[in-house]
Amino acid sequence: MEGGTSISPESRYMSTVDGYLDYKRREYCNDVKCPMQFLLNTEVEKSSKYEQIRAICASNCIHSTYEFHHWLTEKGYLIVRPK
């Protein structure tokens, strides 16, 4: 990347930009104390019950993208993409 900033290929979906922290999966959900996330946290990841709860989150999240975007901004996250 130009300007002396390098990107590490640690993830297929996200890359770490030097000097910045990546968003951690479900960080927003935990921070806003989402009741569905609370239930997920009580289950073993990848278990049947976990996947049932996760499916509800994926299709019927109780929070909006507007809320999520504003949370990201308040926390100082930047949304970037490669050229």
N, C-alpha and C. Protein backbone atom coordinates (compact mmCIF):
# COMPACT_ATOMS: atom_id res chain seq x y z
N MET A 1 0.85 -1.17 0.00
CA MET A 1 0.00 0.00 0.00
C MET A 1 0.90 1.23 0.00
N GLU A 2 0.48 2.28 -0.66
CA GLU A 2 1.25 3.51 -0.75
C GLU A 2 1.29 4.24 0.58
N GLY A 3 2.26 5.18 0.70
CA GLY A 3 2.35 6.01 1.89
C GLY A 3 2.98 5.32 3.08
N GLY A 4 3.71 4.20 2.85
CA GLY A 4 4.40 3.53 3.93
C GLY A 4 3.51 2.69 4.82
N THR A 5 2.27 2.51 4.47
CA THR A 5 1.35 1.70 5.27
C THR A 5 1.29 0.31 4.65
N SER A 6 1.49 -0.71 5.49
CA SER A 6 1.43 -2.07 4.96
C SER A 6 0.21 -2.78 5.51
N ILE A 7 -0.26 -3.73 4.75
CA ILE A 7 -1.43 -4.52 5.14
C ILE A 7 -0.98 -5.97 5.24
N SER A 8 -1.30 -6.61 6.34
CA SER A 8 -0.94 -8.02 6.50
C SER A 8 -2.11 -8.89 6.06
N PRO A 9 -1.82 -9.98 5.37
CA PRO A 9 -2.90 -10.86 4.87
C PRO A 9 -3.35 -11.88 5.90
N GLU A 10 -3.72 -11.44 7.11
CA GLU A 10 -4.12 -12.35 8.18
C GLU A 10 -5.53 -12.89 8.00
N SER A 11 -6.34 -12.21 7.24
CA SER A 11 -7.71 -12.65 7.08
C SER A 11 -8.12 -12.52 5.63
N ARG A 12 -8.98 -13.39 5.21
CA ARG A 12 -9.49 -13.35 3.85
C ARG A 12 -10.44 -12.17 3.66
N TYR A 13 -11.07 -11.73 4.74
CA TYR A 13 -12.06 -10.67 4.65
C TYR A 13 -11.55 -9.32 5.12
N MET A 14 -10.64 -9.31 6.08
CA MET A 14 -10.15 -8.05 6.63
C MET A 14 -8.64 -8.09 6.70
N SER A 15 -8.02 -6.95 6.56
CA SER A 15 -6.58 -6.85 6.68
C SER A 15 -6.26 -5.84 7.76
N THR A 16 -5.20 -6.10 8.49
CA THR A 16 -4.76 -5.19 9.53
C THR A 16 -3.94 -4.09 8.90
N VAL A 17 -4.23 -2.85 9.26
CA VAL A 17 -3.46 -1.71 8.80
C VAL A 17 -2.51 -1.36 9.94
N ASP A 18 -1.22 -1.25 9.64
CA ASP A 18 -0.24 -0.94 10.68
C ASP A 18 -0.66 0.28 11.48
N GLY A 19 -0.55 0.17 12.80
CA GLY A 19 -0.89 1.27 13.69
C GLY A 19 -2.36 1.34 14.09
N TYR A 20 -3.17 0.39 13.61
CA TYR A 20 -4.60 0.38 13.90
C TYR A 20 -5.00 -0.98 14.45
N LEU A 21 -6.07 -1.00 15.23
CA LEU A 21 -6.65 -2.25 15.73
C LEU A 21 -7.83 -2.62 14.85
N ASP A 22 -7.98 -3.89 14.56
CA ASP A 22 -9.13 -4.37 13.81
C ASP A 22 -10.32 -4.53 14.74
N TYR A 23 -11.50 -4.37 14.18
CA TYR A 23 -12.74 -4.67 14.90
C TYR A 23 -12.73 -6.16 15.22
N LYS A 24 -13.05 -6.48 16.45
CA LYS A 24 -13.13 -7.89 16.84
C LYS A 24 -14.58 -8.37 16.69
N ARG A 25 -14.70 -9.56 16.21
CA ARG A 25 -16.02 -10.15 15.97
C ARG A 25 -16.92 -9.99 17.19
N ARG A 26 -18.10 -9.49 16.97
CA ARG A 26 -19.15 -9.30 17.98
C ARG A 26 -18.80 -8.29 19.07
N GLU A 27 -17.78 -7.47 18.82
CA GLU A 27 -17.39 -6.43 19.78
C GLU A 27 -18.56 -5.48 20.05
N TYR A 28 -19.23 -5.07 18.99
CA TYR A 28 -20.40 -4.19 19.13
C TYR A 28 -21.48 -4.87 19.97
N CYS A 29 -21.80 -6.10 19.62
CA CYS A 29 -22.87 -6.84 20.30
C CYS A 29 -22.61 -6.95 21.80
N ASN A 30 -21.36 -7.25 22.15
CA ASN A 30 -21.00 -7.34 23.56
C ASN A 30 -21.04 -5.98 24.23
N ASP A 31 -20.56 -4.95 23.55
CA ASP A 31 -20.50 -3.62 24.14
C ASP A 31 -21.88 -3.05 24.44
N VAL A 32 -22.84 -3.28 23.53
CA VAL A 32 -24.19 -2.75 23.74
C VAL A 32 -25.06 -3.72 24.55
N LYS A 33 -24.43 -4.77 25.03
CA LYS A 33 -25.11 -5.76 25.88
C LYS A 33 -26.35 -6.36 25.22
N CYS A 34 -26.17 -6.77 23.98
CA CYS A 34 -27.25 -7.40 23.23
C CYS A 34 -27.67 -8.70 23.93
N PRO A 35 -28.98 -8.87 24.18
CA PRO A 35 -29.44 -10.09 24.85
C PRO A 35 -29.17 -11.36 24.04
N MET A 36 -29.18 -11.26 22.73
CA MET A 36 -28.88 -12.43 21.90
C MET A 36 -27.40 -12.80 22.03
N GLN A 37 -26.55 -11.78 22.11
CA GLN A 37 -25.12 -12.05 22.29
C GLN A 37 -24.88 -12.69 23.64
N PHE A 38 -25.62 -12.24 24.65
CA PHE A 38 -25.52 -12.86 25.98
C PHE A 38 -25.81 -14.36 25.87
N LEU A 39 -26.87 -14.71 25.14
CA LEU A 39 -27.20 -16.13 24.96
C LEU A 39 -26.10 -16.86 24.21
N LEU A 40 -25.55 -16.23 23.16
CA LEU A 40 -24.45 -16.85 22.42
C LEU A 40 -23.25 -17.12 23.33
N ASN A 41 -22.99 -16.17 24.22
CA ASN A 41 -21.84 -16.31 25.12
C ASN A 41 -21.99 -17.46 26.10
N THR A 42 -23.21 -17.95 26.29
CA THR A 42 -23.43 -19.07 27.21
C THR A 42 -23.31 -20.43 26.52
N GLU A 43 -23.22 -20.42 25.20
CA GLU A 43 -23.18 -21.67 24.43
C GLU A 43 -21.77 -21.96 23.92
N VAL A 44 -21.53 -23.22 23.61
CA VAL A 44 -20.26 -23.63 23.01
C VAL A 44 -20.30 -23.26 21.53
N GLU A 45 -19.26 -22.54 21.08
CA GLU A 45 -19.21 -22.12 19.68
C GLU A 45 -19.30 -23.32 18.76
N LYS A 46 -20.09 -23.17 17.71
CA LYS A 46 -20.34 -24.19 16.68
C LYS A 46 -21.32 -25.28 17.11
N SER A 47 -21.79 -25.25 18.35
CA SER A 47 -22.77 -26.25 18.78
C SER A 47 -24.10 -25.96 18.08
N SER A 48 -24.99 -26.92 18.14
CA SER A 48 -26.29 -26.77 17.50
C SER A 48 -27.05 -25.56 18.06
N LYS A 49 -27.10 -25.44 19.37
CA LYS A 49 -27.81 -24.32 20.01
C LYS A 49 -27.16 -22.99 19.64
N TYR A 50 -25.83 -22.95 19.63
CA TYR A 50 -25.09 -21.74 19.24
C TYR A 50 -25.49 -21.32 17.82
N GLU A 51 -25.49 -22.27 16.91
CA GLU A 51 -25.81 -21.97 15.51
C GLU A 51 -27.27 -21.53 15.35
N GLN A 52 -28.19 -22.07 16.16
CA GLN A 52 -29.59 -21.63 16.12
C GLN A 52 -29.70 -20.16 16.54
N ILE A 53 -29.02 -19.80 17.61
CA ILE A 53 -29.05 -18.41 18.09
C ILE A 53 -28.38 -17.50 17.06
N ARG A 54 -27.27 -17.94 16.54
CA ARG A 54 -26.52 -17.16 15.54
C ARG A 54 -27.38 -16.90 14.30
N ALA A 55 -28.17 -17.87 13.91
CA ALA A 55 -29.05 -17.71 12.75
C ALA A 55 -30.09 -16.62 13.00
N ILE A 56 -30.58 -16.54 14.22
CA ILE A 56 -31.54 -15.49 14.58
C ILE A 56 -30.86 -14.13 14.43
N CYS A 57 -29.64 -14.03 14.96
CA CYS A 57 -28.89 -12.77 14.85
C CYS A 57 -28.68 -12.37 13.39
N ALA A 58 -28.32 -13.33 12.58
CA ALA A 58 -28.03 -13.05 11.17
C ALA A 58 -29.26 -12.57 10.40
N SER A 59 -30.43 -13.08 10.76
CA SER A 59 -31.62 -12.73 9.98
C SER A 59 -32.54 -11.72 10.66
N ASN A 60 -32.42 -11.57 11.97
CA ASN A 60 -33.33 -10.68 12.70
C ASN A 60 -32.63 -9.88 13.79
N CYS A 61 -31.50 -9.27 13.45
CA CYS A 61 -30.74 -8.49 14.44
C CYS A 61 -31.64 -7.39 15.01
N ILE A 62 -31.58 -7.19 16.33
CA ILE A 62 -32.43 -6.18 16.96
C ILE A 62 -31.85 -4.77 16.86
N HIS A 63 -30.63 -4.68 16.33
CA HIS A 63 -29.99 -3.37 16.14
C HIS A 63 -29.88 -3.07 14.65
N SER A 64 -29.83 -1.79 14.33
CA SER A 64 -29.78 -1.39 12.93
C SER A 64 -28.35 -1.12 12.48
N THR A 65 -28.14 -1.12 11.18
CA THR A 65 -26.84 -0.75 10.64
C THR A 65 -26.52 0.70 11.00
N TYR A 66 -27.53 1.53 11.12
CA TYR A 66 -27.34 2.93 11.53
C TYR A 66 -26.72 2.97 12.93
N GLU A 67 -27.27 2.19 13.85
CA GLU A 67 -26.73 2.14 15.22
C GLU A 67 -25.29 1.61 15.21
N PHE A 68 -25.06 0.56 14.44
CA PHE A 68 -23.72 -0.03 14.36
C PHE A 68 -22.73 0.97 13.79
N HIS A 69 -23.09 1.64 12.71
CA HIS A 69 -22.20 2.62 12.08
C HIS A 69 -21.85 3.74 13.06
N HIS A 70 -22.84 4.24 13.77
CA HIS A 70 -22.58 5.31 14.73
C HIS A 70 -21.73 4.81 15.91
N TRP A 71 -21.92 3.59 16.33
CA TRP A 71 -21.09 3.01 17.37
C TRP A 71 -19.64 2.95 16.89
N LEU A 72 -19.43 2.49 15.65
CA LEU A 72 -18.08 2.44 15.09
C LEU A 72 -17.43 3.82 15.11
N THR A 73 -18.17 4.83 14.69
CA THR A 73 -17.66 6.20 14.65
C THR A 73 -17.31 6.68 16.06
N GLU A 74 -18.20 6.44 17.01
CA GLU A 74 -17.96 6.86 18.40
C GLU A 74 -16.72 6.19 18.98
N LYS A 75 -16.45 4.97 18.58
CA LYS A 75 -15.30 4.23 19.09
C LYS A 75 -14.02 4.52 18.31
N GLY A 76 -14.13 5.34 17.27
CA GLY A 76 -12.94 5.75 16.50
C GLY A 76 -12.55 4.81 15.39
N TYR A 77 -13.43 3.89 15.02
CA TYR A 77 -13.10 2.96 13.92
C TYR A 77 -13.19 3.68 12.58
N LEU A 78 -12.35 3.25 11.66
CA LEU A 78 -12.37 3.74 10.29
C LEU A 78 -12.81 2.59 9.40
N ILE A 79 -13.59 2.88 8.41
CA ILE A 79 -13.98 1.86 7.45
C ILE A 79 -13.14 2.11 6.21
N VAL A 80 -12.33 1.12 5.85
CA VAL A 80 -11.41 1.26 4.73
C VAL A 80 -11.60 0.13 3.76
N ARG A 81 -11.12 0.35 2.53
CA ARG A 81 -11.12 -0.72 1.54
C ARG A 81 -9.88 -0.53 0.67
N PRO A 82 -9.40 -1.58 0.06
CA PRO A 82 -8.24 -1.45 -0.81
C PRO A 82 -8.61 -0.70 -2.09
N LYS A 83 -7.58 -0.15 -2.73
CA LYS A 83 -7.81 0.56 -3.99
C LYS A 83 -8.22 -0.39 -5.08
